[in-house]
Amino acid sequence: MSLWASGTHAPVTQPSVSDRGSILLVQVAGARCVALADDLAAAGYNVQIAQGLPAAVASLERRPPALVVVDGDAEQDVYGILRQAGAFPILAVIPQPTDEQVLAAFAAGVDDCQQSSICKGELVVRIHNMLRPTGRQPAAGVPRNADGGA
């Protein structure tokens, strides 16, 4: 007998679009993830596409998203402007990032940075994980800080 059949666990259902949240996909020069919006929509996200920073800022003023994805060779000030616009996570997807570009993107406020040649499936999973609730508690017996105290 399965756990579900025994009534111990409820069946797992695919979240609706409203459950997954909205994502703003900002495409700048060098954007390469053309099918990402379709993949995210298929995964249950409400995706808005903004071509460039002015369109992104206008979209943010209308409705803040759960997450912003910047696709392309963005200038570092783009990340800073987006970071100042809200507390949502920002994922930078850069075509051929150098170590300096990645470090500068993190310094400007992005939460994660990926090369655009990443597998689309992995990118969707990373986005899902960035939006996962963060109310995790430490496992029993695991100290909360380095000195072993709680």
N, C-alpha and C. Protein backbone atom coordinates (compact mmCIF):
# COMPACT_ATOMS: atom_id res chain seq x y z
N MET A 1 0.86 -1.18 0.00
CA MET A 1 0.00 0.00 0.00
C MET A 1 0.90 1.24 0.00
N SER A 2 0.60 2.20 -0.86
CA SER A 2 1.40 3.42 -0.91
C SER A 2 1.00 4.34 0.24
N LEU A 3 1.88 5.29 0.55
CA LEU A 3 1.57 6.24 1.61
C LEU A 3 0.35 7.08 1.24
N TRP A 4 0.24 7.45 -0.04
CA TRP A 4 -0.90 8.25 -0.45
C TRP A 4 -2.19 7.46 -0.32
N ALA A 5 -2.16 6.21 -0.74
CA ALA A 5 -3.35 5.38 -0.68
C ALA A 5 -3.80 5.14 0.77
N SER A 6 -2.84 5.13 1.69
CA SER A 6 -3.18 4.91 3.09
C SER A 6 -3.75 6.16 3.75
N GLY A 7 -3.69 7.29 3.04
CA GLY A 7 -4.21 8.53 3.60
C GLY A 7 -3.18 9.27 4.44
N THR A 8 -1.95 8.78 4.50
CA THR A 8 -0.92 9.43 5.31
C THR A 8 -0.46 10.74 4.70
N HIS A 9 -0.36 10.78 3.37
CA HIS A 9 0.10 11.99 2.69
C HIS A 9 -0.88 12.39 1.61
N ALA A 10 -1.05 13.68 1.43
CA ALA A 10 -1.90 14.18 0.35
C ALA A 10 -1.15 14.07 -0.97
N PRO A 11 -1.85 13.96 -2.07
CA PRO A 11 -1.18 13.88 -3.36
C PRO A 11 -0.46 15.19 -3.67
N VAL A 12 0.64 15.11 -4.37
CA VAL A 12 1.39 16.29 -4.77
C VAL A 12 0.76 16.82 -6.04
N THR A 13 0.43 18.10 -6.04
CA THR A 13 -0.16 18.71 -7.22
C THR A 13 0.77 19.80 -7.73
N GLN A 14 0.69 20.08 -9.02
CA GLN A 14 1.47 21.14 -9.62
C GLN A 14 0.90 22.47 -9.18
N PRO A 15 1.74 23.38 -8.65
CA PRO A 15 1.22 24.68 -8.23
C PRO A 15 0.65 25.46 -9.41
N SER A 16 -0.35 26.27 -9.13
CA SER A 16 -0.89 27.12 -10.18
C SER A 16 0.07 28.28 -10.41
N VAL A 17 -0.17 29.05 -11.48
CA VAL A 17 0.68 30.19 -11.79
C VAL A 17 0.74 31.14 -10.60
N SER A 18 -0.39 31.39 -9.96
CA SER A 18 -0.39 32.32 -8.84
C SER A 18 0.41 31.79 -7.66
N ASP A 19 0.54 30.47 -7.54
CA ASP A 19 1.33 29.89 -6.45
C ASP A 19 2.82 30.06 -6.71
N ARG A 20 3.24 29.96 -7.95
CA ARG A 20 4.66 30.02 -8.28
C ARG A 20 5.19 31.44 -8.26
N GLY A 21 4.39 32.42 -8.60
CA GLY A 21 4.84 33.80 -8.59
C GLY A 21 5.19 34.33 -9.96
N SER A 22 5.53 35.61 -9.97
CA SER A 22 5.83 36.26 -11.24
C SER A 22 7.34 36.51 -11.35
N ILE A 23 7.80 36.43 -12.58
CA ILE A 23 9.22 36.65 -12.87
C ILE A 23 9.31 37.71 -13.94
N LEU A 24 10.19 38.67 -13.72
CA LEU A 24 10.48 39.67 -14.74
C LEU A 24 11.77 39.26 -15.43
N LEU A 25 11.68 39.00 -16.73
CA LEU A 25 12.84 38.63 -17.53
C LEU A 25 13.28 39.88 -18.28
N VAL A 26 14.44 40.41 -17.89
CA VAL A 26 14.98 41.62 -18.49
C VAL A 26 16.01 41.21 -19.54
N GLN A 27 15.72 41.53 -20.79
CA GLN A 27 16.65 41.18 -21.86
C GLN A 27 17.41 42.43 -22.28
N VAL A 28 18.76 42.32 -22.22
CA VAL A 28 19.63 43.42 -22.61
C VAL A 28 20.52 42.93 -23.75
N ALA A 29 21.43 43.78 -24.23
CA ALA A 29 22.31 43.40 -25.33
C ALA A 29 22.99 42.07 -25.04
N GLY A 30 22.99 41.19 -26.02
CA GLY A 30 23.63 39.89 -25.86
C GLY A 30 22.74 38.84 -25.23
N ALA A 31 21.44 39.12 -25.05
CA ALA A 31 20.51 38.14 -24.47
C ALA A 31 20.51 36.88 -25.33
N ARG A 32 20.58 35.72 -24.67
CA ARG A 32 20.67 34.47 -25.40
C ARG A 32 19.65 33.43 -24.96
N CYS A 33 18.91 33.69 -23.92
CA CYS A 33 17.97 32.70 -23.39
C CYS A 33 16.58 32.96 -23.95
N VAL A 34 16.45 32.88 -25.28
CA VAL A 34 15.19 33.25 -25.92
C VAL A 34 14.03 32.36 -25.51
N ALA A 35 14.27 31.11 -25.22
CA ALA A 35 13.18 30.19 -24.86
C ALA A 35 12.94 30.14 -23.36
N LEU A 36 13.70 30.88 -22.57
CA LEU A 36 13.56 30.81 -21.12
C LEU A 36 12.16 31.21 -20.67
N ALA A 37 11.59 32.24 -21.26
CA ALA A 37 10.24 32.67 -20.87
C ALA A 37 9.24 31.55 -21.06
N ASP A 38 9.34 30.84 -22.19
CA ASP A 38 8.42 29.72 -22.45
C ASP A 38 8.63 28.59 -21.44
N ASP A 39 9.89 28.29 -21.12
CA ASP A 39 10.19 27.23 -20.16
C ASP A 39 9.66 27.58 -18.77
N LEU A 40 9.82 28.83 -18.37
CA LEU A 40 9.32 29.26 -17.06
C LEU A 40 7.79 29.25 -17.02
N ALA A 41 7.17 29.67 -18.11
CA ALA A 41 5.70 29.64 -18.17
C ALA A 41 5.21 28.20 -18.09
N ALA A 42 5.89 27.29 -18.76
CA ALA A 42 5.51 25.88 -18.71
C ALA A 42 5.69 25.31 -17.31
N ALA A 43 6.61 25.89 -16.53
CA ALA A 43 6.84 25.44 -15.15
C ALA A 43 5.88 26.09 -14.17
N GLY A 44 4.97 26.94 -14.65
CA GLY A 44 3.95 27.51 -13.79
C GLY A 44 4.20 28.93 -13.33
N TYR A 45 5.17 29.62 -13.92
CA TYR A 45 5.46 31.00 -13.53
C TYR A 45 4.76 31.97 -14.47
N ASN A 46 4.40 33.12 -13.95
CA ASN A 46 3.87 34.22 -14.74
C ASN A 46 5.08 35.05 -15.16
N VAL A 47 5.43 35.07 -16.44
CA VAL A 47 6.65 35.73 -16.91
C VAL A 47 6.30 36.99 -17.68
N GLN A 48 6.93 38.08 -17.27
CA GLN A 48 6.84 39.34 -17.99
C GLN A 48 8.21 39.59 -18.62
N ILE A 49 8.25 40.02 -19.87
CA ILE A 49 9.51 40.28 -20.55
C ILE A 49 9.66 41.78 -20.72
N ALA A 50 10.84 42.28 -20.34
CA ALA A 50 11.16 43.69 -20.53
C ALA A 50 12.40 43.78 -21.41
N GLN A 51 12.30 44.53 -22.50
CA GLN A 51 13.43 44.73 -23.39
C GLN A 51 14.19 45.96 -22.91
N GLY A 52 15.24 45.74 -22.12
CA GLY A 52 16.07 46.84 -21.63
C GLY A 52 15.65 47.36 -20.27
N LEU A 53 16.52 48.18 -19.71
CA LEU A 53 16.31 48.72 -18.37
C LEU A 53 15.09 49.63 -18.25
N PRO A 54 14.86 50.58 -19.18
CA PRO A 54 13.68 51.45 -19.02
C PRO A 54 12.37 50.65 -18.95
N ALA A 55 12.24 49.63 -19.78
CA ALA A 55 11.03 48.80 -19.74
C ALA A 55 10.96 48.02 -18.44
N ALA A 56 12.11 47.57 -17.93
CA ALA A 56 12.14 46.84 -16.66
C ALA A 56 11.69 47.73 -15.51
N VAL A 57 12.20 48.96 -15.47
CA VAL A 57 11.84 49.89 -14.40
C VAL A 57 10.34 50.19 -14.46
N ALA A 58 9.81 50.38 -15.67
CA ALA A 58 8.37 50.64 -15.81
C ALA A 58 7.56 49.44 -15.30
N SER A 59 8.00 48.23 -15.61
CA SER A 59 7.31 47.03 -15.14
C SER A 59 7.37 46.93 -13.62
N LEU A 60 8.53 47.24 -13.04
CA LEU A 60 8.68 47.18 -11.59
C LEU A 60 7.79 48.19 -10.88
N GLU A 61 7.58 49.33 -11.51
CA GLU A 61 6.71 50.35 -10.91
C GLU A 61 5.25 49.89 -10.91
N ARG A 62 4.87 49.10 -11.91
CA ARG A 62 3.49 48.60 -11.98
C ARG A 62 3.25 47.48 -10.97
N ARG A 63 4.19 46.53 -10.91
CA ARG A 63 4.01 45.38 -10.01
C ARG A 63 5.36 44.70 -9.76
N PRO A 64 5.81 44.69 -8.51
CA PRO A 64 7.08 44.02 -8.22
C PRO A 64 6.96 42.50 -8.42
N PRO A 65 7.94 41.89 -9.04
CA PRO A 65 7.91 40.45 -9.26
C PRO A 65 8.47 39.70 -8.05
N ALA A 66 8.35 38.39 -8.10
CA ALA A 66 8.97 37.54 -7.07
C ALA A 66 10.46 37.41 -7.32
N LEU A 67 10.88 37.57 -8.60
CA LEU A 67 12.28 37.40 -8.98
C LEU A 67 12.53 38.13 -10.30
N VAL A 68 13.74 38.65 -10.47
CA VAL A 68 14.15 39.28 -11.72
C VAL A 68 15.30 38.48 -12.31
N VAL A 69 15.21 38.17 -13.60
CA VAL A 69 16.29 37.52 -14.33
C VAL A 69 16.79 38.52 -15.36
N VAL A 70 18.09 38.81 -15.34
CA VAL A 70 18.69 39.71 -16.32
C VAL A 70 19.49 38.84 -17.28
N ASP A 71 19.09 38.83 -18.54
CA ASP A 71 19.71 38.00 -19.56
C ASP A 71 20.49 38.88 -20.53
N GLY A 72 21.81 38.68 -20.59
CA GLY A 72 22.65 39.41 -21.53
C GLY A 72 23.81 40.10 -20.86
N ASP A 73 24.51 40.91 -21.66
CA ASP A 73 25.69 41.64 -21.17
C ASP A 73 25.26 42.96 -20.55
N ALA A 74 24.76 42.91 -19.34
CA ALA A 74 24.27 44.11 -18.66
C ALA A 74 25.44 44.91 -18.08
N GLU A 75 25.31 46.21 -18.15
CA GLU A 75 26.25 47.09 -17.45
C GLU A 75 25.99 46.92 -15.96
N GLN A 76 27.01 47.10 -15.15
CA GLN A 76 26.87 46.88 -13.70
C GLN A 76 25.83 47.80 -13.08
N ASP A 77 25.64 49.00 -13.62
CA ASP A 77 24.64 49.90 -13.03
C ASP A 77 23.22 49.36 -13.20
N VAL A 78 22.99 48.50 -14.20
CA VAL A 78 21.68 47.88 -14.37
C VAL A 78 21.33 47.07 -13.13
N TYR A 79 22.29 46.26 -12.67
CA TYR A 79 22.05 45.46 -11.46
C TYR A 79 21.81 46.34 -10.25
N GLY A 80 22.57 47.41 -10.13
CA GLY A 80 22.40 48.32 -8.99
C GLY A 80 21.04 48.99 -9.00
N ILE A 81 20.58 49.43 -10.17
CA ILE A 81 19.26 50.07 -10.28
C ILE A 81 18.16 49.07 -9.93
N LEU A 82 18.29 47.85 -10.42
CA LEU A 82 17.29 46.83 -10.10
C LEU A 82 17.31 46.50 -8.61
N ARG A 83 18.49 46.42 -8.01
CA ARG A 83 18.59 46.11 -6.58
C ARG A 83 17.92 47.20 -5.76
N GLN A 84 18.10 48.46 -6.15
CA GLN A 84 17.49 49.57 -5.41
C GLN A 84 15.97 49.59 -5.58
N ALA A 85 15.47 48.95 -6.62
CA ALA A 85 14.03 48.99 -6.91
C ALA A 85 13.21 48.06 -6.03
N GLY A 86 13.85 47.08 -5.38
CA GLY A 86 13.08 46.18 -4.54
C GLY A 86 13.90 45.08 -3.91
N ALA A 87 13.25 44.30 -3.06
CA ALA A 87 13.94 43.26 -2.29
C ALA A 87 13.86 41.89 -2.96
N PHE A 88 13.38 41.81 -4.18
CA PHE A 88 13.28 40.55 -4.90
C PHE A 88 14.67 40.02 -5.25
N PRO A 89 14.83 38.70 -5.37
CA PRO A 89 16.12 38.15 -5.80
C PRO A 89 16.38 38.49 -7.27
N ILE A 90 17.66 38.62 -7.60
CA ILE A 90 18.08 38.91 -8.97
C ILE A 90 19.05 37.84 -9.42
N LEU A 91 18.77 37.27 -10.59
CA LEU A 91 19.64 36.28 -11.22
C LEU A 91 20.20 36.90 -12.49
N ALA A 92 21.53 36.97 -12.58
CA ALA A 92 22.20 37.46 -13.78
C ALA A 92 22.59 36.27 -14.65
N VAL A 93 22.17 36.28 -15.90
CA VAL A 93 22.54 35.24 -16.86
C VAL A 93 23.39 35.92 -17.92
N ILE A 94 24.70 35.65 -17.87
CA ILE A 94 25.68 36.37 -18.69
C ILE A 94 26.23 35.42 -19.75
N PRO A 95 26.33 35.86 -21.02
CA PRO A 95 26.80 34.97 -22.09
C PRO A 95 28.18 34.36 -21.84
N GLN A 96 29.20 35.13 -21.64
CA GLN A 96 30.56 34.63 -21.43
C GLN A 96 31.18 35.40 -20.26
N PRO A 97 30.75 35.10 -19.04
CA PRO A 97 31.21 35.92 -17.91
C PRO A 97 32.68 35.69 -17.57
N THR A 98 33.35 36.78 -17.27
CA THR A 98 34.70 36.69 -16.72
C THR A 98 34.56 36.68 -15.20
N ASP A 99 35.62 36.31 -14.51
CA ASP A 99 35.58 36.34 -13.05
C ASP A 99 35.26 37.75 -12.56
N GLU A 100 35.82 38.76 -13.23
CA GLU A 100 35.60 40.14 -12.82
C GLU A 100 34.14 40.54 -13.00
N GLN A 101 33.50 40.10 -14.10
CA GLN A 101 32.09 40.40 -14.31
C GLN A 101 31.20 39.77 -13.24
N VAL A 102 31.51 38.53 -12.91
CA VAL A 102 30.72 37.82 -11.90
C VAL A 102 30.85 38.52 -10.55
N LEU A 103 32.08 38.83 -10.15
CA LEU A 103 32.29 39.51 -8.86
C LEU A 103 31.64 40.88 -8.84
N ALA A 104 31.72 41.62 -9.95
CA ALA A 104 31.10 42.93 -10.01
C ALA A 104 29.57 42.82 -9.95
N ALA A 105 29.01 41.79 -10.59
CA ALA A 105 27.56 41.59 -10.53
C ALA A 105 27.11 41.30 -9.10
N PHE A 106 27.86 40.45 -8.40
CA PHE A 106 27.52 40.18 -6.99
C PHE A 106 27.66 41.45 -6.16
N ALA A 107 28.71 42.22 -6.40
CA ALA A 107 28.91 43.47 -5.65
C ALA A 107 27.78 44.46 -5.92
N ALA A 108 27.22 44.42 -7.12
CA ALA A 108 26.13 45.33 -7.48
C ALA A 108 24.78 44.88 -6.94
N GLY A 109 24.70 43.64 -6.42
CA GLY A 109 23.46 43.23 -5.77
C GLY A 109 22.77 42.00 -6.31
N VAL A 110 23.35 41.30 -7.30
CA VAL A 110 22.67 40.09 -7.77
C VAL A 110 22.80 38.99 -6.72
N ASP A 111 21.86 38.08 -6.73
CA ASP A 111 21.85 36.98 -5.77
C ASP A 111 22.48 35.72 -6.33
N ASP A 112 22.48 35.59 -7.66
CA ASP A 112 23.11 34.45 -8.32
C ASP A 112 23.51 34.89 -9.71
N CYS A 113 24.53 34.23 -10.24
CA CYS A 113 25.05 34.57 -11.55
C CYS A 113 25.37 33.27 -12.28
N GLN A 114 24.87 33.15 -13.52
CA GLN A 114 25.08 31.94 -14.31
C GLN A 114 25.50 32.30 -15.71
N GLN A 115 26.23 31.39 -16.34
CA GLN A 115 26.56 31.55 -17.75
C GLN A 115 25.34 31.15 -18.56
N SER A 116 25.07 31.89 -19.64
CA SER A 116 23.84 31.63 -20.41
C SER A 116 23.86 30.30 -21.15
N SER A 117 25.00 29.64 -21.22
CA SER A 117 25.03 28.33 -21.87
C SER A 117 24.57 27.22 -20.92
N ILE A 118 24.14 27.58 -19.72
CA ILE A 118 23.64 26.60 -18.75
C ILE A 118 22.41 25.91 -19.34
N CYS A 119 22.24 24.66 -19.04
CA CYS A 119 21.08 23.89 -19.47
C CYS A 119 19.81 24.61 -18.99
N LYS A 120 18.83 24.77 -19.89
CA LYS A 120 17.60 25.48 -19.52
C LYS A 120 16.88 24.81 -18.37
N GLY A 121 16.91 23.49 -18.33
CA GLY A 121 16.27 22.78 -17.23
C GLY A 121 16.91 23.12 -15.90
N GLU A 122 18.24 23.18 -15.88
CA GLU A 122 18.95 23.54 -14.65
C GLU A 122 18.64 24.98 -14.26
N LEU A 123 18.55 25.86 -15.24
CA LEU A 123 18.24 27.26 -14.94
C LEU A 123 16.86 27.38 -14.32
N VAL A 124 15.88 26.65 -14.83
CA VAL A 124 14.53 26.68 -14.27
C VAL A 124 14.55 26.16 -12.83
N VAL A 125 15.30 25.09 -12.57
CA VAL A 125 15.40 24.55 -11.22
C VAL A 125 16.08 25.55 -10.28
N ARG A 126 17.12 26.21 -10.75
CA ARG A 126 17.79 27.23 -9.91
C ARG A 126 16.82 28.35 -9.56
N ILE A 127 16.03 28.78 -10.54
CA ILE A 127 15.04 29.83 -10.29
C ILE A 127 14.01 29.36 -9.27
N HIS A 128 13.54 28.14 -9.44
CA HIS A 128 12.59 27.57 -8.47
C HIS A 128 13.20 27.57 -7.07
N ASN A 129 14.46 27.17 -6.97
CA ASN A 129 15.11 27.13 -5.66
C ASN A 129 15.32 28.52 -5.08
N MET A 130 15.56 29.51 -5.92
CA MET A 130 15.71 30.88 -5.42
C MET A 130 14.40 31.39 -4.83
N LEU A 131 13.28 30.87 -5.32
CA LEU A 131 11.96 31.32 -4.85
C LEU A 131 11.38 30.44 -3.76
N ARG A 132 12.09 29.38 -3.43
CA ARG A 132 11.61 28.46 -2.39
C ARG A 132 11.56 29.20 -1.06
N PRO A 133 10.55 28.93 -0.25
CA PRO A 133 10.48 29.57 1.07
C PRO A 133 11.76 29.32 1.87
N THR A 134 12.20 30.34 2.60
CA THR A 134 13.47 30.24 3.33
C THR A 134 13.30 30.01 4.81
N GLY A 135 12.15 29.63 5.27
CA GLY A 135 11.91 29.44 6.70
C GLY A 135 12.41 28.10 7.20
N ARG A 136 13.57 27.67 6.74
CA ARG A 136 14.11 26.38 7.16
C ARG A 136 14.67 26.46 8.57
N GLN A 137 14.49 25.40 9.31
CA GLN A 137 15.02 25.31 10.66
C GLN A 137 16.22 24.35 10.65
N PRO A 138 17.22 24.58 11.50
CA PRO A 138 18.34 23.64 11.55
C PRO A 138 17.86 22.26 11.99
N ALA A 139 18.50 21.23 11.48
CA ALA A 139 18.16 19.86 11.88
C ALA A 139 18.48 19.67 13.35
N ALA A 140 17.76 18.76 13.98
CA ALA A 140 18.00 18.49 15.40
C ALA A 140 19.45 18.05 15.60
N GLY A 141 20.07 18.57 16.62
CA GLY A 141 21.44 18.19 16.93
C GLY A 141 22.49 18.96 16.17
N VAL A 142 22.08 19.86 15.27
CA VAL A 142 23.04 20.67 14.53
C VAL A 142 23.14 22.02 15.21
N PRO A 143 24.34 22.40 15.65
CA PRO A 143 24.49 23.69 16.34
C PRO A 143 24.18 24.85 15.38
N ARG A 144 23.61 25.91 15.93
CA ARG A 144 23.24 27.07 15.12
C ARG A 144 24.40 28.00 14.86
N ASN A 145 25.43 27.96 15.68
CA ASN A 145 26.58 28.81 15.42
C ASN A 145 27.86 28.03 15.65
N ALA A 146 28.97 28.64 15.32
CA ALA A 146 30.26 27.96 15.32
C ALA A 146 30.69 27.46 16.71
N ASP A 147 30.26 28.13 17.76
CA ASP A 147 30.72 27.70 19.09
C ASP A 147 29.85 26.59 19.68
N GLY A 148 28.88 26.11 18.89
CA GLY A 148 28.06 24.99 19.34
C GLY A 148 26.84 25.39 20.13
N GLY A 149 26.67 26.68 20.37
CA GLY A 149 25.51 27.15 21.12
C GLY A 149 24.27 27.18 20.28
N ALA A 150 23.13 27.30 20.91
CA ALA A 150 21.88 27.34 20.17
C ALA A 150 21.47 28.76 19.90
